[in-house]
Amino acid sequence: METRTKDLAGQAKGFAREAQETIKETAEDFAEKAKSFGSSAKQSAMAAYQKAQSKTVAGAQATDQAIRANPYTALGLAFGCGLLIGFLAKRK
């Protein structure tokens, strides 16, 4: 009976070791996948940032060209927007 108990205890220890190794391997796989996802997300964010930056620069250049091509129209629009904002702010 005593040897059987020792055998069962040895088997339980073996199962515990196997379970521990499996958990460790699973955790390592999960860590690798998380790092990969993080790297991918960082690259996507950088690409989106660069795209937004280039669109902003292009918009600023287009606005500059439009103002230089029609300075009086731009001045009139700015004056009108200022009057409208001033009127709306004074109403409160």
C-alpha atoms as a PDB file:
ATOM      1  CA  MET A   1       0.000   0.000   0.000  1.00  0.00           C
ATOM      2  CA  GLU A   2       2.840   2.321   0.901  1.00  0.00           C
ATOM      3  CA  THR A   3       4.606   1.789  -2.419  1.00  0.00           C
ATOM      4  CA  ARG A   4       1.400   2.455  -4.287  1.00  0.00           C
ATOM      5  CA  THR A   5       1.003   5.748  -2.421  1.00  0.00           C
ATOM      6  CA  LYS A   6       4.592   6.660  -3.302  1.00  0.00           C
ATOM      7  CA  ASP A   7       3.936   5.759  -6.943  1.00  0.00           C
ATOM      8  CA  LEU A   8       0.809   7.906  -7.009  1.00  0.00           C
ATOM      9  CA  ALA A   9       2.685  10.784  -5.360  1.00  0.00           C
ATOM     10  CA  GLY A  10       5.449  10.444  -7.966  1.00  0.00           C
ATOM     11  CA  GLN A  11       2.891  10.437 -10.773  1.00  0.00           C
ATOM     12  CA  ALA A  12       1.191  13.493  -9.294  1.00  0.00           C
ATOM     13  CA  LYS A  13       4.531  15.298  -9.164  1.00  0.00           C
ATOM     14  CA  GLY A  14       5.168  14.313 -12.783  1.00  0.00           C
ATOM     15  CA  PHE A  15       1.762  15.630 -13.846  1.00  0.00           C
ATOM     16  CA  ALA A  16       2.393  18.838 -11.926  1.00  0.00           C
ATOM     17  CA  ARG A  17       5.756  19.302 -13.683  1.00  0.00           C
ATOM     18  CA  GLU A  18       4.166  18.673 -17.083  1.00  0.00           C
ATOM     19  CA  ALA A  19       1.364  21.086 -16.327  1.00  0.00           C
ATOM     20  CA  GLN A  20       3.873  23.700 -15.176  1.00  0.00           C
ATOM     21  CA  GLU A  21       5.920  23.277 -18.369  1.00  0.00           C
ATOM     22  CA  THR A  22       2.806  23.523 -20.520  1.00  0.00           C
ATOM     23  CA  ILE A  23       1.730  26.688 -18.749  1.00  0.00           C
ATOM     24  CA  LYS A  24       5.202  28.158 -19.156  1.00  0.00           C
ATOM     25  CA  GLU A  25       5.255  27.354 -22.888  1.00  0.00           C
ATOM     26  CA  THR A  26       1.781  28.813 -23.325  1.00  0.00           C
ATOM     27  CA  ALA A  27       2.789  31.983 -21.507  1.00  0.00           C
ATOM     28  CA  GLU A  28       5.893  32.326 -23.695  1.00  0.00           C
ATOM     29  CA  ASP A  29       3.801  31.863 -26.853  1.00  0.00           C
ATOM     30  CA  PHE A  30       1.338  34.460 -25.607  1.00  0.00           C
ATOM     31  CA  ALA A  31       4.181  36.885 -24.851  1.00  0.00           C
ATOM     32  CA  GLU A  32       5.585  36.441 -28.362  1.00  0.00           C
ATOM     33  CA  LYS A  33       2.179  37.053 -29.926  1.00  0.00           C
ATOM     34  CA  ALA A  34       1.660  40.135 -27.758  1.00  0.00           C
ATOM     35  CA  LYS A  35       5.042  41.546 -28.785  1.00  0.00           C
ATOM     36  CA  SER A  36       4.246  40.876 -32.430  1.00  0.00           C
ATOM     37  CA  PHE A  37       0.863  42.578 -32.114  1.00  0.00           C
ATOM     38  CA  GLY A  38       2.438  45.544 -30.328  1.00  0.00           C
ATOM     39  CA  SER A  39       5.042  45.914 -33.045  1.00  0.00           C
ATOM     40  CA  SER A  40       2.377  45.716 -35.738  1.00  0.00           C
ATOM     41  CA  ALA A  41       0.208  48.286 -33.963  1.00  0.00           C
ATOM     42  CA  LYS A  42       3.174  50.631 -33.603  1.00  0.00           C
ATOM     43  CA  GLN A  43       3.954  50.376 -37.312  1.00  0.00           C
ATOM     44  CA  SER A  44       0.313  51.048 -38.213  1.00  0.00           C
ATOM     45  CA  ALA A  45       0.214  54.073 -35.932  1.00  0.00           C
ATOM     46  CA  MET A  46       3.423  55.458 -37.425  1.00  0.00           C
ATOM     47  CA  ALA A  47       2.052  55.012 -40.951  1.00  0.00           C
ATOM     48  CA  ALA A  48      -1.192  56.774 -40.005  1.00  0.00           C
ATOM     49  CA  TYR A  49       0.767  59.596 -38.367  1.00  0.00           C
ATOM     50  CA  GLN A  50       2.946  60.084 -41.445  1.00  0.00           C
ATOM     51  CA  LYS A  51      -0.099  60.046 -43.725  1.00  0.00           C
ATOM     52  CA  ALA A  52      -1.890  62.645 -41.589  1.00  0.00           C
ATOM     53  CA  GLN A  53       1.240  64.772 -41.450  1.00  0.00           C
ATOM     54  CA  SER A  54       1.657  64.745 -45.242  1.00  0.00           C
ATOM     55  CA  LYS A  55      -2.038  65.619 -45.738  1.00  0.00           C
ATOM     56  CA  THR A  56      -1.733  68.491 -43.272  1.00  0.00           C
ATOM     57  CA  VAL A  57       1.319  69.879 -45.037  1.00  0.00           C
ATOM     58  CA  ALA A  58      -0.405  69.549 -48.418  1.00  0.00           C
ATOM     59  CA  GLY A  59      -3.485  71.359 -47.070  1.00  0.00           C
ATOM     60  CA  ALA A  60      -1.375  74.169 -45.643  1.00  0.00           C
ATOM     61  CA  GLN A  61       0.440  74.570 -48.959  1.00  0.00           C
ATOM     62  CA  ALA A  62      -2.847  74.637 -50.879  1.00  0.00           C
ATOM     63  CA  THR A  63      -4.234  77.268 -48.494  1.00  0.00           C
ATOM     64  CA  ASP A  64      -1.092  79.362 -48.880  1.00  0.00           C
ATOM     65  CA  GLN A  65      -1.353  79.195 -52.670  1.00  0.00           C
ATOM     66  CA  ALA A  66      -5.044  80.145 -52.593  1.00  0.00           C
ATOM     67  CA  ILE A  67      -4.349  83.136 -50.340  1.00  0.00           C
ATOM     68  CA  ARG A  68      -1.475  84.286 -52.539  1.00  0.00           C
ATOM     69  CA  ALA A  69      -3.614  83.904 -55.688  1.00  0.00           C
ATOM     70  CA  ASN A  70      -6.599  85.830 -54.234  1.00  0.00           C
ATOM     71  CA  PRO A  71      -5.393  88.041 -51.383  1.00  0.00           C
ATOM     72  CA  TYR A  72      -8.411  90.377 -51.321  1.00  0.00           C
ATOM     73  CA  THR A  73     -10.911  87.540 -51.293  1.00  0.00           C
ATOM     74  CA  ALA A  74      -9.028  85.875 -48.435  1.00  0.00           C
ATOM     75  CA  LEU A  75      -8.915  89.165 -46.535  1.00  0.00           C
ATOM     76  CA  GLY A  76     -12.674  89.694 -47.038  1.00  0.00           C
ATOM     77  CA  LEU A  77     -13.463  86.147 -45.842  1.00  0.00           C
ATOM     78  CA  ALA A  78     -11.275  86.558 -42.769  1.00  0.00           C
ATOM     79  CA  PHE A  79     -12.940  89.891 -41.965  1.00  0.00           C
ATOM     80  CA  GLY A  80     -16.425  88.386 -42.396  1.00  0.00           C
ATOM     81  CA  CYS A  81     -15.587  85.386 -40.194  1.00  0.00           C
ATOM     82  CA  GLY A  82     -14.226  87.739 -37.540  1.00  0.00           C
ATOM     83  CA  LEU A  83     -17.424  89.807 -37.596  1.00  0.00           C
ATOM     84  CA  LEU A  84     -19.573  86.691 -37.323  1.00  0.00           C
ATOM     85  CA  ILE A  85     -17.575  85.301 -34.407  1.00  0.00           C
ATOM     86  CA  GLY A  86     -17.641  88.688 -32.671  1.00  0.00           C
ATOM     87  CA  PHE A  87     -21.411  88.962 -33.143  1.00  0.00           C
ATOM     88  CA  LEU A  88     -22.020  85.465 -31.807  1.00  0.00           C
ATOM     89  CA  ALA A  89     -19.710  86.015 -28.829  1.00  0.00           C
ATOM     90  CA  LYS A  90     -21.401  89.308 -27.945  1.00  0.00           C
ATOM     91  CA  ARG A  91     -24.897  87.738 -27.961  1.00  0.00           C
ATOM     92  CA  LYS A  92     -24.203  85.677 -24.878  1.00  0.00           C
END
